[in-house]
Amino acid sequence: MKRNWYRMMLLVATLALAACQPGGAKGTATQAAQGETPVAETVAPPSADNTPAPTPTGPPPQSNMAAVQPADRREELTRLTNLLGFQVTGLNGVVLGKITDYVINTCETYIIYMVIEPHAALNLAAGNRLVIPFEAATINSGIVNAETKAIALYLGPDSVAAGPAFPDPLALFPNTWEEGVRAYWKEVVRVGKLSSACQAGNSTPENAIHKIAYATDLLGAELKDGNGLLLGTVTEAILAPETGKLAFYVVELTDSQGLVLVPLAKTNIPKEALEPGATIELVLLADTGQLLGAPKLDSAEAASTDAALNTARGYWGQ
C-alpha cells in the first residue's frame, strides 16, 4: 500500500515538472509573452549528397555567401577551370543539369550567371541552356561541393524548369536577353545589383558600360599591351567560391618567362573584342615591366595557395 502511494507521488511530481518546461509552440508563445525574441525554426540547406530537404514555401533562406564543402578542399574550388562541368542539384539532391559556362562581369570581377545544360527530366527543348544568376547559390543558401563536384541550390525542379532558356550558344551582345532573366529570377530567389552593367563611376541605364564574357572565352584569352604586343595568355582564374568574386588571372608569359598572377582590375577588354563573333582579348592596364617583374609561379595549382595570393596582393597593391 505504502509502495503504491510513493509511486503515485512520484508520477505527480514528474508531471508537474514537465508542465513547467517551455517547449515547442507553447515555449515560443511563453517567450513572446515575456518580451523575449522567439528562436525561429531553421530549415537545413540543400545537399548534393541526396540528403532530404523540405519543399520551400517561399524564397530560399537568405545567406551572405554559399557554403563550401568539404572545408579542407576549398583551395581547389578557387580555380575557375575546376568549376566548369559541375552538376547543379536542387532540393532532395535532384539533378537539375550541368554547368557548361559562366558569364563573368570583368569590370565588377564577379561571376554573374551560370549557364546550365538542363537535365532531361526537366523536359526542355534539346540544345537549350538555362541562365541562372550565381546569386541563387551565394545569397540563397547554396553549397559548392568539391567532393560531389556539384553546386546545390535551394530550389525545386519546377521553378528551374520554368526559368528562361535559350538556344546554345547564347550571344551575350546585344544583352536584351538579360531583362527577362532577371525579371524571372527576382520572383524566385534574392537577386542583388550584380548584372552585366559596370557599376563604377556615374553609370546610368542609359550610358551603362557592359564588360561581360564567357569563362571559356576568358580562359585562353591573349593579354596584350596598349600597342597590341602579345604579353601572355590566360590559363586560369582565381576566385572566392563562396561569392563568385574573381581576384586574379593566371597568365603564362610569352617566351617561356613563367606564370604570374595578374589582377582582373589591371586588365580591360577592348570594346571591339566584345562585338558578336569577335575573339576576346585583354589589354594590360599597367606597365609592362611591372607584369614581367611579378612573382613567378611553378603551376596554376600553386597560384591558388594563400601564400601566392598574399604575395600577389602585396606586389600589385591590392
Protein backbone atom coordinates (compact mmCIF):
# COMPACT_ATOMS: atom_id res chain seq x y z
CA MET A 1 0.00 0.00 0.00
CA LYS A 2 2.74 2.39 1.01
CA ARG A 3 4.73 1.44 -2.13
CA ASN A 4 1.78 2.37 -4.37
CA TRP A 5 1.41 5.70 -2.58
CA TYR A 6 5.08 6.53 -3.25
CA ARG A 7 4.70 5.62 -6.91
CA MET A 8 1.66 7.90 -7.21
CA MET A 9 3.51 10.82 -5.61
CA LEU A 10 6.50 10.30 -7.94
CA LEU A 11 4.20 10.37 -11.01
CA VAL A 12 2.53 13.60 -9.85
CA ALA A 13 5.92 15.27 -9.30
CA THR A 14 7.15 14.20 -12.75
CA LEU A 15 4.06 15.59 -14.49
CA ALA A 16 4.31 18.87 -12.59
CA LEU A 17 7.96 19.28 -13.55
CA ALA A 18 7.22 18.62 -17.24
CA ALA A 19 4.44 21.21 -17.24
CA CYS A 20 6.94 23.87 -16.13
CA GLN A 21 9.32 23.27 -19.06
CA PRO A 22 8.87 25.52 -22.16
CA GLY A 23 8.87 23.56 -25.39
CA GLY A 24 7.59 23.60 -28.96
CA ALA A 25 4.90 26.15 -29.76
CA LYS A 26 3.98 26.57 -26.05
CA GLY A 27 7.58 27.53 -25.19
CA THR A 28 7.74 30.02 -28.08
CA ALA A 29 4.45 31.61 -27.03
CA THR A 30 5.75 31.95 -23.47
CA GLN A 31 8.92 33.65 -24.70
CA ALA A 32 6.93 36.11 -26.82
CA ALA A 33 4.60 36.90 -23.92
CA GLN A 34 7.61 37.69 -21.73
CA GLY A 35 9.04 40.03 -24.37
CA GLU A 36 11.79 37.63 -25.46
CA THR A 37 12.66 37.03 -29.09
CA PRO A 38 11.45 33.57 -30.10
CA VAL A 39 14.04 31.35 -31.72
CA ALA A 40 12.84 30.73 -35.26
CA GLU A 41 12.96 27.23 -36.62
CA THR A 42 15.64 26.91 -39.28
CA VAL A 43 15.44 24.81 -42.41
CA ALA A 44 18.53 22.90 -43.47
CA PRO A 45 20.13 23.95 -46.77
CA PRO A 46 20.18 21.58 -49.72
CA SER A 47 22.74 18.85 -50.01
CA ALA A 48 24.44 17.42 -53.05
CA ASP A 49 24.64 14.00 -51.36
CA ASN A 50 20.89 13.24 -51.55
CA THR A 51 20.08 14.38 -48.02
CA PRO A 52 16.31 15.06 -47.99
CA ALA A 53 15.24 18.68 -47.66
CA PRO A 54 11.75 20.15 -47.32
CA THR A 55 9.93 21.75 -50.23
CA PRO A 56 10.24 25.56 -49.90
CA THR A 57 7.15 27.67 -49.46
CA GLY A 58 8.89 30.95 -50.34
CA PRO A 59 12.33 32.27 -51.28
CA PRO A 60 15.32 30.21 -50.09
CA PRO A 61 16.74 31.11 -46.67
CA GLN A 62 18.99 34.14 -47.01
CA SER A 63 22.76 33.77 -46.65
CA ASN A 64 25.77 36.03 -47.01
CA MET A 65 27.64 33.52 -49.12
CA ALA A 66 27.50 29.97 -50.37
CA ALA A 67 28.76 27.17 -48.15
CA VAL A 68 31.91 25.35 -49.24
CA GLN A 69 32.13 21.62 -48.64
CA PRO A 70 34.34 19.97 -47.56
CA ALA A 71 36.08 22.94 -45.97
CA ASP A 72 39.52 21.39 -46.35
CA ARG A 73 39.08 21.21 -50.14
CA ARG A 74 38.26 24.89 -50.65
CA GLU A 75 41.53 25.61 -52.44
CA GLU A 76 40.64 23.50 -55.49
CA LEU A 77 37.32 25.37 -55.78
CA THR A 78 39.18 28.67 -56.18
CA ARG A 79 40.36 27.65 -59.67
CA LEU A 80 37.75 28.56 -62.26
CA THR A 81 38.57 25.65 -64.56
CA ASN A 82 37.62 23.23 -61.78
CA LEU A 83 34.08 24.65 -61.57
CA LEU A 84 33.30 24.09 -65.24
CA GLY A 85 31.31 20.91 -65.72
CA PHE A 86 29.94 20.87 -62.17
CA GLN A 87 26.48 19.40 -61.73
CA VAL A 88 23.67 21.60 -60.44
CA THR A 89 21.39 19.93 -57.93
CA GLY A 90 18.24 21.06 -56.15
CA LEU A 91 16.28 20.08 -53.07
CA ASN A 92 16.49 16.41 -52.12
CA GLY A 93 19.60 16.14 -54.29
CA VAL A 94 17.63 16.07 -57.56
CA VAL A 95 19.94 16.70 -60.54
CA LEU A 96 18.94 19.83 -62.46
CA GLY A 97 21.70 19.94 -65.04
CA LYS A 98 25.38 20.56 -65.72
CA ILE A 99 27.27 23.86 -65.86
CA THR A 100 28.69 24.45 -69.31
CA ASP A 101 29.88 28.02 -68.75
CA TYR A 102 29.73 31.14 -66.60
CA VAL A 103 29.04 34.74 -67.60
CA ILE A 104 31.61 36.99 -65.92
CA ASN A 105 31.41 40.75 -65.45
CA THR A 106 35.09 41.59 -65.81
CA CYS A 107 34.86 45.16 -64.51
CA GLU A 108 32.92 44.15 -61.38
CA THR A 109 35.04 40.95 -61.35
CA TYR A 110 32.19 38.61 -60.41
CA ILE A 111 30.54 35.55 -61.87
CA ILE A 112 27.10 36.87 -62.75
CA TYR A 113 25.33 33.89 -64.31
CA MET A 114 25.62 30.12 -64.57
CA VAL A 115 24.91 28.64 -67.98
CA ILE A 116 23.38 25.20 -67.49
CA GLU A 117 22.65 22.28 -69.77
CA PRO A 118 19.33 21.11 -68.28
CA HIS A 119 18.79 17.53 -67.19
CA ALA A 120 16.46 15.55 -69.47
CA ALA A 121 13.94 15.25 -66.62
CA LEU A 122 13.23 18.99 -66.89
CA ASN A 123 11.74 18.37 -70.35
CA LEU A 124 13.28 21.40 -72.04
CA ALA A 125 13.92 21.60 -75.76
CA ALA A 126 17.11 19.89 -76.87
CA GLY A 127 20.02 22.30 -77.22
CA ASN A 128 18.58 24.89 -74.84
CA ARG A 129 20.57 26.33 -71.95
CA LEU A 130 19.27 27.78 -68.69
CA VAL A 131 20.76 31.04 -67.43
CA ILE A 132 20.60 31.34 -63.63
CA PRO A 133 22.12 34.14 -61.51
CA PHE A 134 25.08 32.90 -59.47
CA GLU A 135 23.44 34.66 -56.53
CA ALA A 136 20.95 31.78 -56.48
CA ALA A 137 23.83 29.96 -54.78
CA THR A 138 25.66 32.72 -52.92
CA ILE A 139 22.92 34.66 -51.10
CA ASN A 140 20.28 31.95 -51.25
CA SER A 141 21.84 29.23 -49.06
CA GLY A 142 23.57 27.27 -51.80
CA ILE A 143 26.50 24.86 -51.47
CA VAL A 144 29.64 24.50 -53.60
CA ASN A 145 30.83 20.94 -53.06
CA ALA A 146 34.28 19.80 -54.17
CA GLU A 147 33.64 16.18 -53.27
CA THR A 148 30.49 15.70 -55.33
CA LYS A 149 31.53 18.30 -57.93
CA ALA A 150 28.17 20.00 -57.64
CA ILE A 151 26.57 23.33 -56.84
CA ALA A 152 23.47 22.68 -54.76
CA LEU A 153 20.63 25.20 -54.97
CA TYR A 154 17.72 25.59 -52.57
CA LEU A 155 15.27 25.15 -55.44
CA GLY A 156 12.87 22.56 -56.76
CA PRO A 157 12.94 21.35 -60.38
CA ASP A 158 9.67 23.07 -61.31
CA SER A 159 10.97 26.59 -60.62
CA VAL A 160 14.20 25.85 -62.51
CA ALA A 161 12.44 24.27 -65.50
CA ALA A 162 10.19 27.35 -65.78
CA GLY A 163 13.20 29.69 -65.95
CA PRO A 164 14.37 31.47 -69.12
CA ALA A 165 16.13 29.14 -71.56
CA PHE A 166 17.99 29.99 -74.76
CA PRO A 167 19.36 28.08 -77.76
CA ASP A 168 23.06 27.37 -77.36
CA PRO A 169 25.21 29.34 -77.89
CA LEU A 170 23.59 32.47 -76.47
CA ALA A 171 25.16 35.62 -77.92
CA LEU A 172 25.94 37.92 -74.98
CA PHE A 173 25.59 41.05 -77.11
CA PRO A 174 23.20 42.65 -77.55
CA ASN A 175 22.26 41.82 -73.96
CA THR A 176 18.49 42.08 -74.47
CA TRP A 177 18.19 38.54 -73.04
CA GLU A 178 19.17 39.76 -69.57
CA GLU A 179 16.00 41.68 -68.74
CA GLY A 180 13.82 38.57 -68.91
CA VAL A 181 16.34 36.51 -66.94
CA ARG A 182 16.47 38.98 -64.08
CA ALA A 183 12.70 39.57 -64.09
CA TYR A 184 12.00 35.85 -63.67
CA TRP A 185 14.63 35.07 -61.05
CA LYS A 186 13.77 38.10 -58.91
CA GLU A 187 10.45 36.37 -58.27
CA VAL A 188 12.12 33.11 -57.24
CA VAL A 189 15.32 33.99 -55.36
CA ARG A 190 17.06 37.04 -53.93
CA VAL A 191 18.88 38.89 -56.70
CA GLY A 192 21.12 41.85 -55.88
CA LYS A 193 22.52 44.62 -58.05
CA LEU A 194 25.10 42.48 -59.85
CA SER A 195 24.31 42.36 -63.55
CA SER A 196 26.14 42.75 -66.84
CA ALA A 197 26.48 46.51 -66.25
CA CYS A 198 29.60 48.08 -64.76
CA GLN A 199 28.55 49.88 -61.59
CA ALA A 200 31.64 52.07 -61.25
CA GLY A 201 31.59 55.79 -61.95
CA ASN A 202 28.44 57.70 -62.85
CA SER A 203 26.90 54.86 -64.80
CA THR A 204 23.18 55.05 -65.53
CA PRO A 205 20.99 52.64 -67.52
CA GLU A 206 21.28 54.99 -70.48
CA ASN A 207 25.09 55.16 -70.57
CA ALA A 208 25.95 51.87 -68.85
CA ILE A 209 29.08 50.04 -69.92
CA HIS A 210 28.98 46.27 -70.23
CA LYS A 211 32.13 44.15 -69.95
CA ILE A 212 30.90 40.57 -69.85
CA ALA A 213 32.42 37.45 -71.32
CA TYR A 214 32.08 33.70 -71.05
CA ALA A 215 34.53 31.99 -68.73
CA THR A 216 35.53 29.65 -71.55
CA ASP A 217 36.47 32.66 -73.69
CA LEU A 218 38.49 34.32 -70.94
CA LEU A 219 40.42 31.11 -70.31
CA GLY A 220 42.82 31.16 -73.22
CA ALA A 221 42.45 34.88 -73.95
CA GLU A 222 45.58 36.74 -75.02
CA LEU A 223 46.92 39.58 -72.84
CA LYS A 224 48.43 42.45 -74.83
CA ASP A 225 49.91 45.86 -74.12
CA GLY A 226 48.41 49.12 -75.38
CA ASN A 227 50.20 48.72 -78.71
CA GLY A 228 48.84 45.26 -79.37
CA LEU A 229 52.04 43.41 -78.45
CA LEU A 230 51.35 39.95 -77.05
CA LEU A 231 52.45 39.61 -73.43
CA GLY A 232 50.95 36.28 -72.43
CA THR A 233 47.89 34.02 -72.32
CA VAL A 234 45.33 33.46 -69.55
CA THR A 235 45.42 29.85 -68.37
CA GLU A 236 43.37 30.10 -65.17
CA ALA A 237 41.38 32.49 -62.97
CA ILE A 238 41.30 32.52 -59.17
CA LEU A 239 38.05 33.26 -57.34
CA ALA A 240 36.29 33.06 -53.98
CA PRO A 241 33.81 30.19 -54.47
CA GLU A 242 31.60 31.48 -51.65
CA THR A 243 30.80 34.71 -53.54
CA GLY A 244 31.93 34.24 -57.15
CA LYS A 245 34.35 37.16 -56.78
CA LEU A 246 37.33 36.80 -59.12
CA ALA A 247 40.64 38.25 -58.00
CA PHE A 248 43.35 37.19 -60.45
CA TYR A 249 44.09 35.74 -63.84
CA VAL A 250 46.94 33.25 -64.07
CA VAL A 251 48.92 34.39 -67.11
CA GLU A 252 51.56 32.37 -68.91
CA LEU A 253 54.04 34.94 -70.18
CA THR A 254 55.43 34.77 -73.71
CA ASP A 255 58.86 33.32 -74.45
CA SER A 256 58.62 30.89 -71.52
CA GLN A 257 59.05 33.65 -68.95
CA GLY A 258 56.83 31.84 -66.44
CA LEU A 259 53.41 32.06 -64.82
CA VAL A 260 52.24 35.16 -62.93
CA LEU A 261 49.10 36.37 -61.18
CA VAL A 262 47.51 39.48 -62.69
CA PRO A 263 44.56 41.27 -61.02
CA LEU A 264 41.43 41.44 -63.16
CA ALA A 265 41.31 45.15 -62.27
CA LYS A 266 44.63 45.61 -64.10
CA THR A 267 43.13 44.44 -67.38
CA ASN A 268 40.47 45.64 -69.79
CA ILE A 269 38.50 44.13 -72.66
CA PRO A 270 38.53 46.48 -75.68
CA LYS A 271 35.09 47.39 -77.00
CA GLU A 272 35.79 45.80 -80.37
CA ALA A 273 36.60 42.47 -78.68
CA LEU A 274 33.04 42.38 -77.31
CA GLU A 275 31.41 42.60 -80.73
CA PRO A 276 29.43 39.49 -81.77
CA GLY A 277 31.80 36.94 -83.28
CA ALA A 278 34.94 38.73 -82.07
CA THR A 279 37.70 36.96 -80.14
CA ILE A 280 38.01 38.01 -76.51
CA GLU A 281 41.36 39.57 -75.67
CA LEU A 282 42.69 41.60 -72.74
CA VAL A 283 44.73 44.78 -72.56
CA LEU A 284 47.11 45.34 -69.65
CA LEU A 285 46.34 48.49 -67.66
CA ALA A 286 49.77 48.59 -66.07
CA ASP A 287 53.40 48.98 -67.08
CA THR A 288 54.78 46.01 -68.98
CA GLY A 289 57.81 45.99 -66.72
CA GLN A 290 55.54 45.51 -63.71
CA LEU A 291 53.97 42.47 -65.36
CA LEU A 292 57.32 40.92 -66.24
CA GLY A 293 58.64 41.57 -62.73
CA ALA A 294 55.68 39.91 -60.99
CA PRO A 295 56.46 36.92 -58.72
CA LYS A 296 56.71 33.73 -60.78
CA LEU A 297 54.70 30.59 -60.06
CA ASP A 298 55.52 26.93 -60.57
CA SER A 299 51.98 25.96 -61.64
CA ALA A 300 48.35 27.03 -61.77
CA GLU A 301 47.75 24.92 -58.67
CA ALA A 302 50.38 26.94 -56.79
CA ALA A 303 48.57 30.13 -57.81
CA SER A 304 45.61 29.30 -55.58
CA THR A 305 47.60 28.95 -52.36
CA ASP A 306 47.26 31.61 -49.66
CA ALA A 307 50.99 32.30 -49.85
CA ALA A 308 50.91 33.02 -53.59
CA LEU A 309 47.77 35.15 -53.36
CA ASN A 310 49.07 37.21 -50.45
CA THR A 311 52.36 37.80 -52.29
CA ALA A 312 50.49 38.89 -55.42
CA ARG A 313 48.23 41.25 -53.45
CA GLY A 314 51.28 42.88 -51.90
CA TYR A 315 53.07 43.17 -55.22
CA TRP A 316 50.14 44.70 -57.11
CA GLY A 317 48.99 46.84 -54.17
CA GLN A 318 45.62 45.12 -53.83
